[in-house]
Amino acid sequence: MSMRLGEKIRKEREQQGLSRDNLVKKMDISVNTLYKIETSKMPRPSFEIIKKIAVALKISLDSL
């Protein structure tokens, strides 16, 4: 079973030792938005949000 987008983001964030607060400080989204993405309450975030997350985590879009 493949991981969902939110699970991948949460796992990568935690591996980097970042809290949600720390990560959102690197981009222009709210903690609430990141929470919704990580918990699949926002299953299809916009490409722009995904791109911001990838840049903030210093990972490729392909890895998400």
PDB file of N, CA and C in Angstrom:
ATOM      1  N   MET A   1       0.844  -1.192   0.000  1.00  0.00           N
ATOM      2  CA  MET A   1       0.000   0.000   0.000  1.00  0.00           C
ATOM      3  C   MET A   1       0.882   1.246   0.000  1.00  0.00           C
ATOM      4  N   SER A   2       0.622   2.146  -0.922  1.00  0.00           N
ATOM      5  CA  SER A   2       1.438   3.349  -0.995  1.00  0.00           C
ATOM      6  C   SER A   2       0.948   4.392   0.010  1.00  0.00           C
ATOM      7  N   MET A   3       1.883   5.222   0.433  1.00  0.00           N
ATOM      8  CA  MET A   3       1.547   6.272   1.390  1.00  0.00           C
ATOM      9  C   MET A   3       0.816   7.399   0.678  1.00  0.00           C
ATOM     10  N   ARG A   4      -0.108   7.990   1.374  1.00  0.00           N
ATOM     11  CA  ARG A   4      -0.805   9.167   0.847  1.00  0.00           C
ATOM     12  C   ARG A   4       0.101  10.378   0.959  1.00  0.00           C
ATOM     13  N   LEU A   5      -0.239  11.413   0.225  1.00  0.00           N
ATOM     14  CA  LEU A   5       0.549  12.639   0.207  1.00  0.00           C
ATOM     15  C   LEU A   5       0.783  13.173   1.620  1.00  0.00           C
ATOM     16  N   GLY A   6      -0.284  13.291   2.392  1.00  0.00           N
ATOM     17  CA  GLY A   6      -0.157  13.833   3.745  1.00  0.00           C
ATOM     18  C   GLY A   6       0.755  13.012   4.630  1.00  0.00           C
ATOM     19  N   GLU A   7       0.682  11.690   4.492  1.00  0.00           N
ATOM     20  CA  GLU A   7       1.554  10.811   5.275  1.00  0.00           C
ATOM     21  C   GLU A   7       3.012  11.011   4.892  1.00  0.00           C
ATOM     22  N   LYS A   8       3.271  11.175   3.601  1.00  0.00           N
ATOM     23  CA  LYS A   8       4.635  11.396   3.128  1.00  0.00           C
ATOM     24  C   LYS A   8       5.187  12.711   3.664  1.00  0.00           C
ATOM     25  N   ILE A   9       4.356  13.748   3.632  1.00  0.00           N
ATOM     26  CA  ILE A   9       4.785  15.060   4.127  1.00  0.00           C
ATOM     27  C   ILE A   9       5.076  14.985   5.616  1.00  0.00           C
ATOM     28  N   ARG A  10       4.160  14.384   6.390  1.00  0.00           N
ATOM     29  CA  ARG A  10       4.366  14.275   7.830  1.00  0.00           C
ATOM     30  C   ARG A  10       5.632  13.485   8.152  1.00  0.00           C
ATOM     31  N   LYS A  11       5.824  12.373   7.471  1.00  0.00           N
ATOM     32  CA  LYS A  11       6.997  11.535   7.716  1.00  0.00           C
ATOM     33  C   LYS A  11       8.280  12.308   7.428  1.00  0.00           C
ATOM     34  N   GLU A  12       8.323  12.991   6.307  1.00  0.00           N
ATOM     35  CA  GLU A  12       9.514  13.765   5.948  1.00  0.00           C
ATOM     36  C   GLU A  12       9.752  14.889   6.951  1.00  0.00           C
ATOM     37  N   ARG A  13       8.694  15.580   7.344  1.00  0.00           N
ATOM     38  CA  ARG A  13       8.810  16.675   8.321  1.00  0.00           C
ATOM     39  C   ARG A  13       9.368  16.154   9.637  1.00  0.00           C
ATOM     40  N   GLU A  14       8.831  15.030  10.103  1.00  0.00           N
ATOM     41  CA  GLU A  14       9.285  14.451  11.365  1.00  0.00           C
ATOM     42  C   GLU A  14      10.721  13.944  11.264  1.00  0.00           C
ATOM     43  N   GLN A  15      11.092  13.368  10.129  1.00  0.00           N
ATOM     44  CA  GLN A  15      12.474  12.904   9.949  1.00  0.00           C
ATOM     45  C   GLN A  15      13.461  14.063  10.002  1.00  0.00           C
ATOM     46  N   GLN A  16      13.005  15.223   9.580  1.00  0.00           N
ATOM     47  CA  GLN A  16      13.861  16.413   9.623  1.00  0.00           C
ATOM     48  C   GLN A  16      13.800  17.116  10.979  1.00  0.00           C
ATOM     49  N   GLY A  17      13.003  16.581  11.896  1.00  0.00           N
ATOM     50  CA  GLY A  17      12.902  17.161  13.231  1.00  0.00           C
ATOM     51  C   GLY A  17      12.157  18.475  13.281  1.00  0.00           C
ATOM     52  N   LEU A  18      11.229  18.661  12.350  1.00  0.00           N
ATOM     53  CA  LEU A  18      10.475  19.919  12.290  1.00  0.00           C
ATOM     54  C   LEU A  18       9.068  19.739  12.846  1.00  0.00           C
ATOM     55  N   SER A  19       8.626  20.718  13.605  1.00  0.00           N
ATOM     56  CA  SER A  19       7.223  20.752  14.023  1.00  0.00           C
ATOM     57  C   SER A  19       6.432  21.396  12.895  1.00  0.00           C
ATOM     58  N   ARG A  20       5.126  21.312  12.962  1.00  0.00           N
ATOM     59  CA  ARG A  20       4.307  21.990  11.952  1.00  0.00           C
ATOM     60  C   ARG A  20       4.580  23.493  11.982  1.00  0.00           C
ATOM     61  N   ASP A  21       4.700  24.045  13.190  1.00  0.00           N
ATOM     62  CA  ASP A  21       4.984  25.479  13.317  1.00  0.00           C
ATOM     63  C   ASP A  21       6.286  25.852  12.618  1.00  0.00           C
ATOM     64  N   ASN A  22       7.329  25.036  12.835  1.00  0.00           N
ATOM     65  CA  ASN A  22       8.618  25.314  12.204  1.00  0.00           C
ATOM     66  C   ASN A  22       8.520  25.274  10.684  1.00  0.00           C
ATOM     67  N   LEU A  23       7.790  24.297  10.168  1.00  0.00           N
ATOM     68  CA  LEU A  23       7.690  24.152   8.723  1.00  0.00           C
ATOM     69  C   LEU A  23       6.900  25.295   8.092  1.00  0.00           C
ATOM     70  N   VAL A  24       5.773  25.675   8.679  1.00  0.00           N
ATOM     71  CA  VAL A  24       4.963  26.726   8.046  1.00  0.00           C
ATOM     72  C   VAL A  24       5.644  28.088   8.105  1.00  0.00           C
ATOM     73  N   LYS A  25       6.599  28.267   9.014  1.00  0.00           N
ATOM     74  CA  LYS A  25       7.352  29.525   9.049  1.00  0.00           C
ATOM     75  C   LYS A  25       8.194  29.689   7.793  1.00  0.00           C
ATOM     76  N   LYS A  26       8.476  28.576   7.108  1.00  0.00           N
ATOM     77  CA  LYS A  26       9.281  28.611   5.892  1.00  0.00           C
ATOM     78  C   LYS A  26       8.443  28.861   4.647  1.00  0.00           C
ATOM     79  N   MET A  27       7.126  28.918   4.796  1.00  0.00           N
ATOM     80  CA  MET A  27       6.250  29.118   3.639  1.00  0.00           C
ATOM     81  C   MET A  27       5.041  29.950   4.039  1.00  0.00           C
ATOM     82  N   ASP A  28       4.205  30.226   3.082  1.00  0.00           N
ATOM     83  CA  ASP A  28       3.058  31.107   3.315  1.00  0.00           C
ATOM     84  C   ASP A  28       1.759  30.298   3.394  1.00  0.00           C
ATOM     85  N   ILE A  29       1.700  29.352   4.358  1.00  0.00           N
ATOM     86  CA  ILE A  29       0.453  28.636   4.623  1.00  0.00           C
ATOM     87  C   ILE A  29       0.271  28.558   6.133  1.00  0.00           C
ATOM     88  N   SER A  30      -0.929  28.282   6.563  1.00  0.00           N
ATOM     89  CA  SER A  30      -1.203  28.223   7.996  1.00  0.00           C
ATOM     90  C   SER A  30      -0.919  26.829   8.552  1.00  0.00           C
ATOM     91  N   VAL A  31      -0.739  26.762   9.853  1.00  0.00           N
ATOM     92  CA  VAL A  31      -0.570  25.477  10.533  1.00  0.00           C
ATOM     93  C   VAL A  31      -1.806  24.621  10.297  1.00  0.00           C
ATOM     94  N   ASN A  32      -2.967  25.244  10.316  1.00  0.00           N
ATOM     95  CA  ASN A  32      -4.219  24.521  10.098  1.00  0.00           C
ATOM     96  C   ASN A  32      -4.257  23.870   8.711  1.00  0.00           C
ATOM     97  N   THR A  33      -3.783  24.578   7.708  1.00  0.00           N
ATOM     98  CA  THR A  33      -3.741  24.014   6.353  1.00  0.00           C
ATOM     99  C   THR A  33      -2.804  22.816   6.310  1.00  0.00           C
ATOM    100  N   LEU A  34      -1.622  22.941   6.902  1.00  0.00           N
ATOM    101  CA  LEU A  34      -0.675  21.827   6.923  1.00  0.00           C
ATOM    102  C   LEU A  34      -1.258  20.639   7.678  1.00  0.00           C
ATOM    103  N   TYR A  35      -1.917  20.903   8.785  1.00  0.00           N
ATOM    104  CA  TYR A  35      -2.565  19.829   9.546  1.00  0.00           C
ATOM    105  C   TYR A  35      -3.594  19.090   8.679  1.00  0.00           C
ATOM    106  N   LYS A  36      -4.412  19.850   7.970  1.00  0.00           N
ATOM    107  CA  LYS A  36      -5.435  19.233   7.119  1.00  0.00           C
ATOM    108  C   LYS A  36      -4.812  18.384   6.016  1.00  0.00           C
ATOM    109  N   ILE A  37      -3.704  18.842   5.458  1.00  0.00           N
ATOM    110  CA  ILE A  37      -3.025  18.066   4.417  1.00  0.00           C
ATOM    111  C   ILE A  37      -2.465  16.780   5.012  1.00  0.00           C
ATOM    112  N   GLU A  38      -1.789  16.891   6.137  1.00  0.00           N
ATOM    113  CA  GLU A  38      -1.162  15.721   6.759  1.00  0.00           C
ATOM    114  C   GLU A  38      -2.178  14.686   7.231  1.00  0.00           C
ATOM    115  N   THR A  39      -3.354  15.126   7.596  1.00  0.00           N
ATOM    116  CA  THR A  39      -4.373  14.196   8.093  1.00  0.00           C
ATOM    117  C   THR A  39      -5.401  13.825   7.028  1.00  0.00           C
ATOM    118  N   SER A  40      -5.117  14.165   5.790  1.00  0.00           N
ATOM    119  CA  SER A  40      -5.978  13.869   4.641  1.00  0.00           C
ATOM    120  C   SER A  40      -7.357  14.511   4.721  1.00  0.00           C
ATOM    121  N   LYS A  41      -7.497  15.562   5.510  1.00  0.00           N
ATOM    122  CA  LYS A  41      -8.752  16.306   5.535  1.00  0.00           C
ATOM    123  C   LYS A  41      -8.798  17.295   4.377  1.00  0.00           C
ATOM    124  N   MET A  42      -7.645  17.485   3.735  1.00  0.00           N
ATOM    125  CA  MET A  42      -7.547  18.246   2.490  1.00  0.00           C
ATOM    126  C   MET A  42      -6.781  17.329   1.537  1.00  0.00           C
ATOM    127  N   PRO A  43      -7.472  16.365   0.945  1.00  0.00           N
ATOM    128  CA  PRO A  43      -6.797  15.333   0.163  1.00  0.00           C
ATOM    129  C   PRO A  43      -6.143  15.818  -1.127  1.00  0.00           C
ATOM    130  N   ARG A  44      -6.584  16.953  -1.652  1.00  0.00           N
ATOM    131  CA  ARG A  44      -6.027  17.448  -2.906  1.00  0.00           C
ATOM    132  C   ARG A  44      -5.635  18.918  -2.799  1.00  0.00           C
ATOM    133  N   PRO A  45      -4.541  19.199  -2.095  1.00  0.00           N
ATOM    134  CA  PRO A  45      -4.094  20.595  -2.020  1.00  0.00           C
ATOM    135  C   PRO A  45      -3.635  21.077  -3.397  1.00  0.00           C
ATOM    136  N   SER A  46      -3.605  22.373  -3.571  1.00  0.00           N
ATOM    137  CA  SER A  46      -3.196  22.935  -4.860  1.00  0.00           C
ATOM    138  C   SER A  46      -1.729  22.609  -5.142  1.00  0.00           C
ATOM    139  N   PHE A  47      -1.381  22.668  -6.417  1.00  0.00           N
ATOM    140  CA  PHE A  47       0.007  22.434  -6.811  1.00  0.00           C
ATOM    141  C   PHE A  47       0.922  23.441  -6.139  1.00  0.00           C
ATOM    142  N   GLU A  48       0.477  24.688  -6.028  1.00  0.00           N
ATOM    143  CA  GLU A  48       1.309  25.728  -5.403  1.00  0.00           C
ATOM    144  C   GLU A  48       1.637  25.381  -3.950  1.00  0.00           C
ATOM    145  N   ILE A  49       0.670  24.873  -3.218  1.00  0.00           N
ATOM    146  CA  ILE A  49       0.918  24.488  -1.823  1.00  0.00           C
ATOM    147  C   ILE A  49       1.880  23.309  -1.765  1.00  0.00           C
ATOM    148  N   ILE A  50       1.683  22.330  -2.619  1.00  0.00           N
ATOM    149  CA  ILE A  50       2.591  21.176  -2.639  1.00  0.00           C
ATOM    150  C   ILE A  50       4.011  21.629  -2.966  1.00  0.00           C
ATOM    151  N   LYS A  51       4.134  22.538  -3.912  1.00  0.00           N
ATOM    152  CA  LYS A  51       5.447  23.057  -4.295  1.00  0.00           C
ATOM    153  C   LYS A  51       6.100  23.785  -3.114  1.00  0.00           C
ATOM    154  N   LYS A  52       5.344  24.601  -2.394  1.00  0.00           N
ATOM    155  CA  LYS A  52       5.884  25.309  -1.225  1.00  0.00           C
ATOM    156  C   LYS A  52       6.384  24.325  -0.167  1.00  0.00           C
ATOM    157  N   ILE A  53       5.629  23.263   0.040  1.00  0.00           N
ATOM    158  CA  ILE A  53       6.019  22.265   1.031  1.00  0.00           C
ATOM    159  C   ILE A  53       7.307  21.571   0.594  1.00  0.00           C
ATOM    160  N   ALA A  54       7.386  21.184  -0.671  1.00  0.00           N
ATOM    161  CA  ALA A  54       8.585  20.517  -1.179  1.00  0.00           C
ATOM    162  C   ALA A  54       9.817  21.415  -1.042  1.00  0.00           C
ATOM    163  N   VAL A  55       9.667  22.682  -1.375  1.00  0.00           N
ATOM    164  CA  VAL A  55      10.784  23.623  -1.264  1.00  0.00           C
ATOM    165  C   VAL A  55      11.192  23.784   0.205  1.00  0.00           C
ATOM    166  N   ALA A  56      10.208  23.952   1.087  1.00  0.00           N
ATOM    167  CA  ALA A  56      10.508  24.126   2.510  1.00  0.00           C
ATOM    168  C   ALA A  56      11.197  22.901   3.118  1.00  0.00           C
ATOM    169  N   LEU A  57      10.810  21.711   2.638  1.00  0.00           N
ATOM    170  CA  LEU A  57      11.419  20.475   3.134  1.00  0.00           C
ATOM    171  C   LEU A  57      12.700  20.115   2.385  1.00  0.00           C
ATOM    172  N   LYS A  58      13.006  20.889   1.322  1.00  0.00           N
ATOM    173  CA  LYS A  58      14.181  20.652   0.486  1.00  0.00           C
ATOM    174  C   LYS A  58      14.162  19.256  -0.119  1.00  0.00           C
ATOM    175  N   ILE A  59      12.985  18.896  -0.681  1.00  0.00           N
ATOM    176  CA  ILE A  59      12.825  17.610  -1.351  1.00  0.00           C
ATOM    177  C   ILE A  59      12.224  17.858  -2.729  1.00  0.00           C
ATOM    178  N   SER A  60      12.339  16.888  -3.610  1.00  0.00           N
ATOM    179  CA  SER A  60      11.791  17.041  -4.950  1.00  0.00           C
ATOM    180  C   SER A  60      10.288  16.804  -4.933  1.00  0.00           C
ATOM    181  N   LEU A  61       9.615  17.382  -5.879  1.00  0.00           N
ATOM    182  CA  LEU A  61       8.179  17.152  -6.037  1.00  0.00           C
ATOM    183  C   LEU A  61       7.924  15.672  -6.328  1.00  0.00           C
ATOM    184  N   ASP A  62       8.824  15.050  -7.062  1.00  0.00           N
ATOM    185  CA  ASP A  62       8.664  13.625  -7.396  1.00  0.00           C
ATOM    186  C   ASP A  62       8.634  12.741  -6.156  1.00  0.00           C
ATOM    187  N   SER A  63       9.315  13.136  -5.100  1.00  0.00           N
ATOM    188  CA  SER A  63       9.359  12.303  -3.907  1.00  0.00           C
ATOM    189  C   SER A  63       8.036  12.338  -3.134  1.00  0.00           C
ATOM    190  N   LEU A  64       7.200  13.310  -3.466  1.00  0.00           N
ATOM    191  CA  LEU A  64       5.885  13.381  -2.837  1.00  0.00           C
ATOM    192  C   LEU A  64       4.889  12.618  -3.677  1.00  0.00           C
TER     193      LEU A  64
END
